[in-house]
Amino acid sequence: MTATTTHTPQGLNSVFDALANEHRREIIYALGLQPCSISQLAEMRDLSLPAIHKHIKMLENAGMVTRKKMGRTNFLTLNRESLSSLQDWLMQFHTYWGSDKETLENYARYLGADNQGKREKR
């Protein structure tokens, strides 16, 4: 199975699926600091090799990590492009976030408008 492109809806779904698991998020964090071998990751995360392989396969399929073989050892590196795509997707909502005060005020206005509509229907 090949890695999906994170710019597509399917690719973005794969990234969110991969990030839904705590162990995979920890692997992403570790690889963000430095490339690691699979056995190093298993040791750091206190996971069995079959378990770490399962998590790595999901991260590879989401296009989040890249495997490079050096001799008999497989090293993993973080694919920063997939995280950039995720950040780009999240940033499109940035204009809606505003400050906490603005968000609360917007929500209060929304509730007020909703209640106004209910009163007018009576």
C-alpha atoms as a PDB file:
ATOM      1  CA  MET A   1       0.000   0.000   0.000  1.00  0.00           C
ATOM      2  CA  THR A   2       1.392   3.396  -0.909  1.00  0.00           C
ATOM      3  CA  ALA A   3       1.324   6.486   1.234  1.00  0.00           C
ATOM      4  CA  THR A   4      -1.511   8.887   0.549  1.00  0.00           C
ATOM      5  CA  THR A   5      -0.986  12.523  -0.359  1.00  0.00           C
ATOM      6  CA  THR A   6      -1.981  14.710   2.574  1.00  0.00           C
ATOM      7  CA  HIS A   7      -3.326  17.460   0.289  1.00  0.00           C
ATOM      8  CA  THR A   8      -6.336  15.294  -0.613  1.00  0.00           C
ATOM      9  CA  PRO A   9      -9.338  14.721   1.681  1.00  0.00           C
ATOM     10  CA  GLN A  10      -8.421  11.019   1.868  1.00  0.00           C
ATOM     11  CA  GLY A  11      -4.829  11.924   2.748  1.00  0.00           C
ATOM     12  CA  LEU A  12      -5.951  14.305   5.455  1.00  0.00           C
ATOM     13  CA  ASN A  13      -8.257  11.618   6.863  1.00  0.00           C
ATOM     14  CA  SER A  14      -5.279   9.245   7.002  1.00  0.00           C
ATOM     15  CA  VAL A  15      -3.265  11.836   8.921  1.00  0.00           C
ATOM     16  CA  PHE A  16      -6.076  12.373  11.443  1.00  0.00           C
ATOM     17  CA  ASP A  17      -6.539   8.598  11.812  1.00  0.00           C
ATOM     18  CA  ALA A  18      -2.812   8.225  12.444  1.00  0.00           C
ATOM     19  CA  LEU A  19      -2.783  11.024  15.023  1.00  0.00           C
ATOM     20  CA  ALA A  20      -5.794   9.579  16.853  1.00  0.00           C
ATOM     21  CA  ASN A  21      -3.528   7.170  18.744  1.00  0.00           C
ATOM     22  CA  GLU A  22      -1.350   8.310  21.646  1.00  0.00           C
ATOM     23  CA  HIS A  23       1.528   5.962  20.737  1.00  0.00           C
ATOM     24  CA  ARG A  24       1.652   7.289  17.186  1.00  0.00           C
ATOM     25  CA  ARG A  25       1.632  10.886  18.433  1.00  0.00           C
ATOM     26  CA  GLU A  26       4.567  10.001  20.717  1.00  0.00           C
ATOM     27  CA  ILE A  27       6.405   8.451  17.757  1.00  0.00           C
ATOM     28  CA  ILE A  28       5.819  11.627  15.727  1.00  0.00           C
ATOM     29  CA  TYR A  29       7.147  13.704  18.618  1.00  0.00           C
ATOM     30  CA  ALA A  30      10.280  11.533  18.957  1.00  0.00           C
ATOM     31  CA  LEU A  31      10.946  11.645  15.211  1.00  0.00           C
ATOM     32  CA  GLY A  32      10.503  15.414  15.273  1.00  0.00           C
ATOM     33  CA  LEU A  33      13.530  15.560  17.554  1.00  0.00           C
ATOM     34  CA  GLN A  34      15.732  13.149  15.567  1.00  0.00           C
ATOM     35  CA  PRO A  35      15.581  10.166  13.204  1.00  0.00           C
ATOM     36  CA  CYS A  36      15.327   6.862  15.093  1.00  0.00           C
ATOM     37  CA  SER A  37      15.598   3.181  14.371  1.00  0.00           C
ATOM     38  CA  ILE A  38      12.516   1.047  14.840  1.00  0.00           C
ATOM     39  CA  SER A  39      14.090  -0.755  17.796  1.00  0.00           C
ATOM     40  CA  GLN A  40      14.974   2.602  19.425  1.00  0.00           C
ATOM     41  CA  LEU A  41      11.357   3.724  19.101  1.00  0.00           C
ATOM     42  CA  ALA A  42      10.081   0.430  20.539  1.00  0.00           C
ATOM     43  CA  GLU A  43      12.439   0.785  23.481  1.00  0.00           C
ATOM     44  CA  MET A  44      11.584   4.463  24.085  1.00  0.00           C
ATOM     45  CA  ARG A  45       7.842   3.792  23.976  1.00  0.00           C
ATOM     46  CA  ASP A  46       8.047   0.461  25.853  1.00  0.00           C
ATOM     47  CA  LEU A  47       6.222  -1.323  23.016  1.00  0.00           C
ATOM     48  CA  SER A  48       6.812  -4.729  21.478  1.00  0.00           C
ATOM     49  CA  LEU A  49       8.316  -4.832  17.982  1.00  0.00           C
ATOM     50  CA  PRO A  50       5.051  -6.131  16.434  1.00  0.00           C
ATOM     51  CA  ALA A  51       3.127  -3.270  18.083  1.00  0.00           C
ATOM     52  CA  ILE A  52       5.606  -0.613  16.958  1.00  0.00           C
ATOM     53  CA  HIS A  53       5.583  -2.036  13.417  1.00  0.00           C
ATOM     54  CA  LYS A  54       1.780  -1.734  13.351  1.00  0.00           C
ATOM     55  CA  HIS A  55       1.953   1.922  14.393  1.00  0.00           C
ATOM     56  CA  ILE A  56       4.773   2.694  11.964  1.00  0.00           C
ATOM     57  CA  LYS A  57       2.867   1.109   9.083  1.00  0.00           C
ATOM     58  CA  MET A  58      -0.097   3.398   9.774  1.00  0.00           C
ATOM     59  CA  LEU A  59       2.184   6.452   9.939  1.00  0.00           C
ATOM     60  CA  GLU A  60       3.883   5.415   6.681  1.00  0.00           C
ATOM     61  CA  ASN A  61       0.522   4.902   4.964  1.00  0.00           C
ATOM     62  CA  ALA A  62      -0.497   8.394   6.073  1.00  0.00           C
ATOM     63  CA  GLY A  63       2.733   9.739   4.574  1.00  0.00           C
ATOM     64  CA  MET A  64       3.930  11.021   7.935  1.00  0.00           C
ATOM     65  CA  VAL A  65       7.170   9.024   8.225  1.00  0.00           C
ATOM     66  CA  THR A  66       9.759   7.743   5.791  1.00  0.00           C
ATOM     67  CA  ARG A  67      11.780   4.564   6.264  1.00  0.00           C
ATOM     68  CA  LYS A  68      15.417   4.398   5.186  1.00  0.00           C
ATOM     69  CA  LYS A  69      17.426   1.211   5.420  1.00  0.00           C
ATOM     70  CA  MET A  70      21.068   1.524   6.473  1.00  0.00           C
ATOM     71  CA  GLY A  71      22.670  -1.881   6.510  1.00  0.00           C
ATOM     72  CA  ARG A  72      20.363  -4.112   8.521  1.00  0.00           C
ATOM     73  CA  THR A  73      18.745  -1.254  10.432  1.00  0.00           C
ATOM     74  CA  ASN A  74      15.632   0.665   9.384  1.00  0.00           C
ATOM     75  CA  PHE A  75      15.649   4.333  10.349  1.00  0.00           C
ATOM     76  CA  LEU A  76      12.558   6.494  10.354  1.00  0.00           C
ATOM     77  CA  THR A  77      12.397  10.200   9.659  1.00  0.00           C
ATOM     78  CA  LEU A  78       9.492  12.579   9.981  1.00  0.00           C
ATOM     79  CA  ASN A  79       7.911  13.763   6.748  1.00  0.00           C
ATOM     80  CA  ARG A  80       7.458  17.427   7.561  1.00  0.00           C
ATOM     81  CA  GLU A  81       5.364  18.008   4.429  1.00  0.00           C
ATOM     82  CA  SER A  82       2.488  15.985   5.899  1.00  0.00           C
ATOM     83  CA  LEU A  83       2.534  18.118   9.038  1.00  0.00           C
ATOM     84  CA  SER A  84       2.712  21.282   6.926  1.00  0.00           C
ATOM     85  CA  SER A  85      -0.381  20.139   5.035  1.00  0.00           C
ATOM     86  CA  LEU A  86      -2.152  19.522   8.325  1.00  0.00           C
ATOM     87  CA  GLN A  87      -1.138  22.963   9.565  1.00  0.00           C
ATOM     88  CA  ASP A  88      -2.346  24.557   6.316  1.00  0.00           C
ATOM     89  CA  TRP A  89      -5.716  22.856   6.723  1.00  0.00           C
ATOM     90  CA  LEU A  90      -6.040  24.022  10.336  1.00  0.00           C
ATOM     91  CA  MET A  91      -4.999  27.585   9.498  1.00  0.00           C
ATOM     92  CA  GLN A  92      -8.035  28.074   7.285  1.00  0.00           C
ATOM     93  CA  PHE A  93     -10.064  28.192  10.512  1.00  0.00           C
ATOM     94  CA  HIS A  94      -7.747  30.690  12.184  1.00  0.00           C
ATOM     95  CA  THR A  95      -9.872  33.675  11.180  1.00  0.00           C
ATOM     96  CA  TYR A  96     -12.828  32.154  13.040  1.00  0.00           C
ATOM     97  CA  TRP A  97     -10.918  31.566  16.255  1.00  0.00           C
ATOM     98  CA  GLY A  98     -10.031  35.088  17.331  1.00  0.00           C
ATOM     99  CA  SER A  99      -9.307  35.702  20.986  1.00  0.00           C
ATOM    100  CA  ASP A 100     -11.119  33.868  23.760  1.00  0.00           C
ATOM    101  CA  LYS A 101     -13.123  37.018  24.486  1.00  0.00           C
ATOM    102  CA  GLU A 102     -14.135  37.409  20.822  1.00  0.00           C
ATOM    103  CA  THR A 103     -15.087  33.761  20.608  1.00  0.00           C
ATOM    104  CA  LEU A 104     -17.252  34.030  23.727  1.00  0.00           C
ATOM    105  CA  GLU A 105     -18.879  37.217  22.425  1.00  0.00           C
ATOM    106  CA  ASN A 106     -19.591  35.586  19.056  1.00  0.00           C
ATOM    107  CA  TYR A 107     -21.135  32.589  20.814  1.00  0.00           C
ATOM    108  CA  ALA A 108     -23.268  34.862  23.019  1.00  0.00           C
ATOM    109  CA  ARG A 109     -24.489  36.746  19.919  1.00  0.00           C
ATOM    110  CA  TYR A 110     -25.274  33.421  18.269  1.00  0.00           C
ATOM    111  CA  LEU A 111     -27.274  32.296  21.301  1.00  0.00           C
ATOM    112  CA  GLY A 112     -29.056  35.654  21.441  1.00  0.00           C
ATOM    113  CA  ALA A 113     -29.998  35.446  17.763  1.00  0.00           C
ATOM    114  CA  ASP A 114     -31.161  31.863  18.229  1.00  0.00           C
ATOM    115  CA  ASN A 115     -33.329  32.824  21.212  1.00  0.00           C
ATOM    116  CA  GLN A 116     -34.682  35.851  19.303  1.00  0.00           C
ATOM    117  CA  GLY A 117     -35.765  33.534  16.484  1.00  0.00           C
ATOM    118  CA  LYS A 118     -37.555  31.237  18.951  1.00  0.00           C
ATOM    119  CA  ARG A 119     -39.412  34.180  20.524  1.00  0.00           C
ATOM    120  CA  GLU A 120     -40.574  35.418  17.117  1.00  0.00           C
ATOM    121  CA  LYS A 121     -42.020  31.988  16.260  1.00  0.00           C
ATOM    122  CA  ARG A 122     -44.333  32.041  19.295  1.00  0.00           C
END
